Amino acid sequence: MNHSSKEDKAVITFKIDEYPEVAVLNDNWKSLSMSKIDDTASEEEIEKTLNNLRKQYATYEDTDCVDNNCVFKIKMEYKD
């Protein structure tokens, strides 16, 4: 709800959700059932998600080190 005053006139704005009426024709819905969704995450899914987040928020910086021991340098900050 917004309330503001313009030249001593109050303006009030409402946002109202309207839901349709639903008519129940029979009791068939009482015999319906749903299977439980398996929402457990495997270690592989967790690791993949964490790696994707690390890549998305990684900061890449140039380096002078280019040899067999140091091909690239990555600096990462984890934000919680």
N, C-alpha and C. Protein backbone atom coordinates (compact mmCIF):
# COMPACT_ATOMS: atom_id res chain seq x y z
N MET A 1 0.85 -1.17 0.00
CA MET A 1 0.00 0.00 0.00
C MET A 1 0.89 1.23 0.00
N ASN A 2 0.65 2.13 -0.92
CA ASN A 2 1.38 3.38 -0.99
C ASN A 2 0.47 4.50 -0.54
N HIS A 3 1.02 5.45 0.18
CA HIS A 3 0.24 6.60 0.60
C HIS A 3 1.09 7.84 0.35
N SER A 4 0.55 8.78 -0.41
CA SER A 4 1.27 10.03 -0.64
C SER A 4 0.27 11.17 -0.63
N SER A 5 0.76 12.35 -0.39
CA SER A 5 -0.11 13.52 -0.33
C SER A 5 0.26 14.47 -1.46
N LYS A 6 -0.72 14.81 -2.30
CA LYS A 6 -0.51 15.77 -3.39
C LYS A 6 -1.51 16.90 -3.20
N GLU A 7 -1.01 18.07 -2.90
CA GLU A 7 -1.85 19.24 -2.74
C GLU A 7 -3.03 18.95 -1.81
N ASP A 8 -2.74 18.44 -0.64
CA ASP A 8 -3.75 18.13 0.38
C ASP A 8 -4.74 17.06 -0.06
N LYS A 9 -4.43 16.29 -1.08
CA LYS A 9 -5.28 15.18 -1.51
C LYS A 9 -4.50 13.90 -1.27
N ALA A 10 -5.11 12.95 -0.62
CA ALA A 10 -4.44 11.68 -0.34
C ALA A 10 -4.67 10.72 -1.50
N VAL A 11 -3.60 10.05 -1.90
CA VAL A 11 -3.68 9.04 -2.95
C VAL A 11 -3.25 7.72 -2.31
N ILE A 12 -4.13 6.73 -2.36
CA ILE A 12 -3.84 5.42 -1.78
C ILE A 12 -3.93 4.39 -2.89
N THR A 13 -2.88 3.55 -3.00
CA THR A 13 -2.82 2.52 -4.03
C THR A 13 -2.79 1.15 -3.36
N PHE A 14 -3.65 0.25 -3.81
CA PHE A 14 -3.69 -1.12 -3.30
C PHE A 14 -3.39 -2.08 -4.42
N LYS A 15 -2.70 -3.16 -4.09
CA LYS A 15 -2.51 -4.27 -5.01
C LYS A 15 -3.25 -5.45 -4.43
N ILE A 16 -4.23 -5.97 -5.14
CA ILE A 16 -5.08 -7.04 -4.64
C ILE A 16 -4.98 -8.24 -5.57
N ASP A 17 -4.73 -9.40 -4.99
CA ASP A 17 -4.74 -10.65 -5.75
C ASP A 17 -6.15 -11.22 -5.71
N GLU A 18 -6.64 -11.61 -6.87
CA GLU A 18 -7.98 -12.18 -6.95
C GLU A 18 -7.86 -13.62 -7.41
N TYR A 19 -8.46 -14.52 -6.66
CA TYR A 19 -8.40 -15.94 -6.99
C TYR A 19 -9.77 -16.41 -7.48
N PRO A 20 -9.79 -17.26 -8.50
CA PRO A 20 -11.09 -17.75 -9.02
C PRO A 20 -11.73 -18.73 -8.04
N GLU A 21 -13.04 -18.79 -8.07
CA GLU A 21 -13.74 -19.77 -7.26
C GLU A 21 -13.63 -21.13 -7.93
N VAL A 22 -13.45 -22.16 -7.12
CA VAL A 22 -13.30 -23.52 -7.64
C VAL A 22 -14.46 -24.35 -7.13
N ALA A 23 -15.12 -25.02 -8.06
CA ALA A 23 -16.23 -25.89 -7.68
C ALA A 23 -15.75 -27.34 -7.70
N VAL A 24 -15.98 -28.06 -6.61
CA VAL A 24 -15.61 -29.47 -6.51
C VAL A 24 -16.83 -30.29 -6.94
N LEU A 25 -16.66 -31.05 -8.02
CA LEU A 25 -17.79 -31.79 -8.58
C LEU A 25 -17.98 -33.17 -7.96
N ASN A 26 -16.87 -33.77 -7.49
CA ASN A 26 -16.97 -35.11 -6.91
C ASN A 26 -15.80 -35.34 -5.95
N ASP A 27 -15.72 -36.55 -5.37
CA ASP A 27 -14.67 -36.86 -4.41
C ASP A 27 -13.54 -37.68 -5.02
N ASN A 28 -13.42 -37.70 -6.34
CA ASN A 28 -12.37 -38.50 -6.98
C ASN A 28 -10.97 -38.07 -6.55
N TRP A 29 -10.78 -36.83 -6.23
CA TRP A 29 -9.46 -36.33 -5.85
C TRP A 29 -8.95 -36.98 -4.57
N LYS A 30 -9.86 -37.49 -3.73
CA LYS A 30 -9.43 -38.10 -2.47
C LYS A 30 -8.66 -39.40 -2.68
N SER A 31 -8.90 -40.08 -3.80
CA SER A 31 -8.22 -41.35 -4.06
C SER A 31 -6.90 -41.17 -4.82
N LEU A 32 -6.57 -39.97 -5.20
CA LEU A 32 -5.32 -39.72 -5.93
C LEU A 32 -4.14 -39.74 -4.97
N SER A 33 -2.99 -40.14 -5.49
CA SER A 33 -1.77 -40.12 -4.69
C SER A 33 -0.60 -39.69 -5.56
N MET A 34 0.43 -39.20 -4.91
CA MET A 34 1.64 -38.77 -5.61
C MET A 34 2.84 -39.48 -5.03
N SER A 35 3.78 -39.79 -5.87
CA SER A 35 5.04 -40.39 -5.40
C SER A 35 5.93 -39.29 -4.85
N LYS A 36 6.64 -39.62 -3.77
CA LYS A 36 7.56 -38.65 -3.19
C LYS A 36 8.72 -38.41 -4.14
N ILE A 37 9.10 -37.16 -4.26
CA ILE A 37 10.22 -36.78 -5.11
C ILE A 37 11.51 -36.97 -4.33
N ASP A 38 12.48 -37.64 -4.93
CA ASP A 38 13.77 -37.84 -4.29
C ASP A 38 14.58 -36.55 -4.43
N ASP A 39 14.73 -35.84 -3.34
CA ASP A 39 15.42 -34.56 -3.37
C ASP A 39 16.82 -34.62 -2.76
N THR A 40 17.35 -35.82 -2.58
CA THR A 40 18.70 -35.94 -2.05
C THR A 40 19.72 -35.67 -3.15
N ALA A 41 20.79 -35.00 -2.79
CA ALA A 41 21.84 -34.67 -3.75
C ALA A 41 23.02 -35.60 -3.52
N SER A 42 23.57 -36.11 -4.61
CA SER A 42 24.75 -36.98 -4.50
C SER A 42 25.99 -36.12 -4.29
N GLU A 43 27.06 -36.76 -3.83
CA GLU A 43 28.32 -36.05 -3.64
C GLU A 43 28.80 -35.46 -4.97
N GLU A 44 28.57 -36.18 -6.06
CA GLU A 44 28.97 -35.70 -7.39
C GLU A 44 28.21 -34.43 -7.76
N GLU A 45 26.90 -34.38 -7.49
CA GLU A 45 26.11 -33.19 -7.80
C GLU A 45 26.54 -32.00 -6.95
N ILE A 46 26.84 -32.26 -5.70
CA ILE A 46 27.28 -31.17 -4.82
C ILE A 46 28.62 -30.62 -5.28
N GLU A 47 29.56 -31.52 -5.60
CA GLU A 47 30.88 -31.08 -6.06
C GLU A 47 30.78 -30.32 -7.37
N LYS A 48 29.94 -30.79 -8.30
CA LYS A 48 29.76 -30.12 -9.58
C LYS A 48 29.18 -28.71 -9.38
N THR A 49 28.21 -28.59 -8.49
CA THR A 49 27.60 -27.28 -8.21
C THR A 49 28.61 -26.34 -7.57
N LEU A 50 29.39 -26.84 -6.62
CA LEU A 50 30.41 -26.00 -5.99
C LEU A 50 31.46 -25.54 -7.00
N ASN A 51 31.89 -26.44 -7.88
CA ASN A 51 32.87 -26.06 -8.91
C ASN A 51 32.29 -25.00 -9.86
N ASN A 52 31.02 -25.14 -10.22
CA ASN A 52 30.39 -24.12 -11.08
C ASN A 52 30.34 -22.77 -10.39
N LEU A 53 30.02 -22.76 -9.09
CA LEU A 53 30.01 -21.50 -8.34
C LEU A 53 31.40 -20.90 -8.25
N ARG A 54 32.39 -21.74 -8.03
CA ARG A 54 33.78 -21.25 -7.97
C ARG A 54 34.19 -20.61 -9.28
N LYS A 55 33.82 -21.23 -10.40
CA LYS A 55 34.16 -20.68 -11.72
C LYS A 55 33.45 -19.37 -11.98
N GLN A 56 32.18 -19.27 -11.56
CA GLN A 56 31.40 -18.06 -11.80
C GLN A 56 31.95 -16.86 -11.04
N TYR A 57 32.48 -17.10 -9.83
CA TYR A 57 32.93 -15.99 -9.00
C TYR A 57 34.45 -15.88 -8.92
N ALA A 58 35.17 -16.58 -9.79
CA ALA A 58 36.63 -16.52 -9.79
C ALA A 58 37.11 -15.18 -10.33
N THR A 59 38.24 -14.72 -9.81
CA THR A 59 38.88 -13.51 -10.30
C THR A 59 40.17 -13.94 -10.98
N TYR A 60 40.33 -13.59 -12.26
CA TYR A 60 41.52 -13.99 -13.02
C TYR A 60 42.48 -12.81 -13.09
N GLU A 61 43.76 -13.07 -12.80
CA GLU A 61 44.78 -12.03 -12.84
C GLU A 61 45.93 -12.50 -13.71
N ASP A 62 46.55 -11.57 -14.44
CA ASP A 62 47.72 -11.89 -15.26
C ASP A 62 48.90 -12.28 -14.38
N THR A 63 49.79 -13.10 -14.94
CA THR A 63 50.98 -13.52 -14.20
C THR A 63 52.20 -13.49 -15.13
N ASP A 64 53.37 -13.32 -14.54
CA ASP A 64 54.60 -13.34 -15.31
C ASP A 64 55.18 -14.74 -15.38
N CYS A 65 54.68 -15.65 -14.57
CA CYS A 65 55.22 -17.00 -14.46
C CYS A 65 54.61 -17.90 -15.54
N VAL A 66 55.46 -18.32 -16.50
CA VAL A 66 55.01 -19.26 -17.53
C VAL A 66 56.12 -20.29 -17.72
N ASP A 67 55.96 -21.43 -17.07
CA ASP A 67 56.90 -22.54 -17.22
C ASP A 67 56.18 -23.84 -16.90
N ASN A 68 56.91 -24.94 -16.80
CA ASN A 68 56.27 -26.23 -16.54
C ASN A 68 55.62 -26.31 -15.16
N ASN A 69 56.15 -25.59 -14.18
CA ASN A 69 55.61 -25.64 -12.83
C ASN A 69 54.48 -24.63 -12.60
N CYS A 70 54.40 -23.63 -13.43
CA CYS A 70 53.40 -22.57 -13.22
C CYS A 70 52.84 -22.16 -14.58
N VAL A 71 51.77 -22.79 -14.99
CA VAL A 71 51.18 -22.46 -16.29
C VAL A 71 50.17 -21.35 -16.16
N PHE A 72 49.41 -21.36 -15.10
CA PHE A 72 48.42 -20.30 -14.89
C PHE A 72 48.26 -20.05 -13.40
N LYS A 73 47.65 -18.94 -13.08
CA LYS A 73 47.43 -18.56 -11.69
C LYS A 73 45.98 -18.13 -11.55
N ILE A 74 45.30 -18.69 -10.58
CA ILE A 74 43.90 -18.33 -10.35
C ILE A 74 43.76 -17.86 -8.90
N LYS A 75 43.11 -16.74 -8.73
CA LYS A 75 42.83 -16.22 -7.40
C LYS A 75 41.32 -16.30 -7.21
N MET A 76 40.87 -16.96 -6.13
CA MET A 76 39.45 -17.10 -5.87
C MET A 76 39.11 -16.56 -4.50
N GLU A 77 37.97 -15.90 -4.42
CA GLU A 77 37.42 -15.46 -3.14
C GLU A 77 36.06 -16.10 -3.01
N TYR A 78 35.80 -16.70 -1.86
CA TYR A 78 34.50 -17.31 -1.60
C TYR A 78 33.65 -16.34 -0.82
N LYS A 79 32.47 -16.12 -1.31
CA LYS A 79 31.55 -15.20 -0.63
C LYS A 79 30.40 -16.02 -0.08
N ASP A 80 30.08 -15.79 1.16
CA ASP A 80 29.03 -16.58 1.80
C ASP A 80 27.73 -15.83 1.74
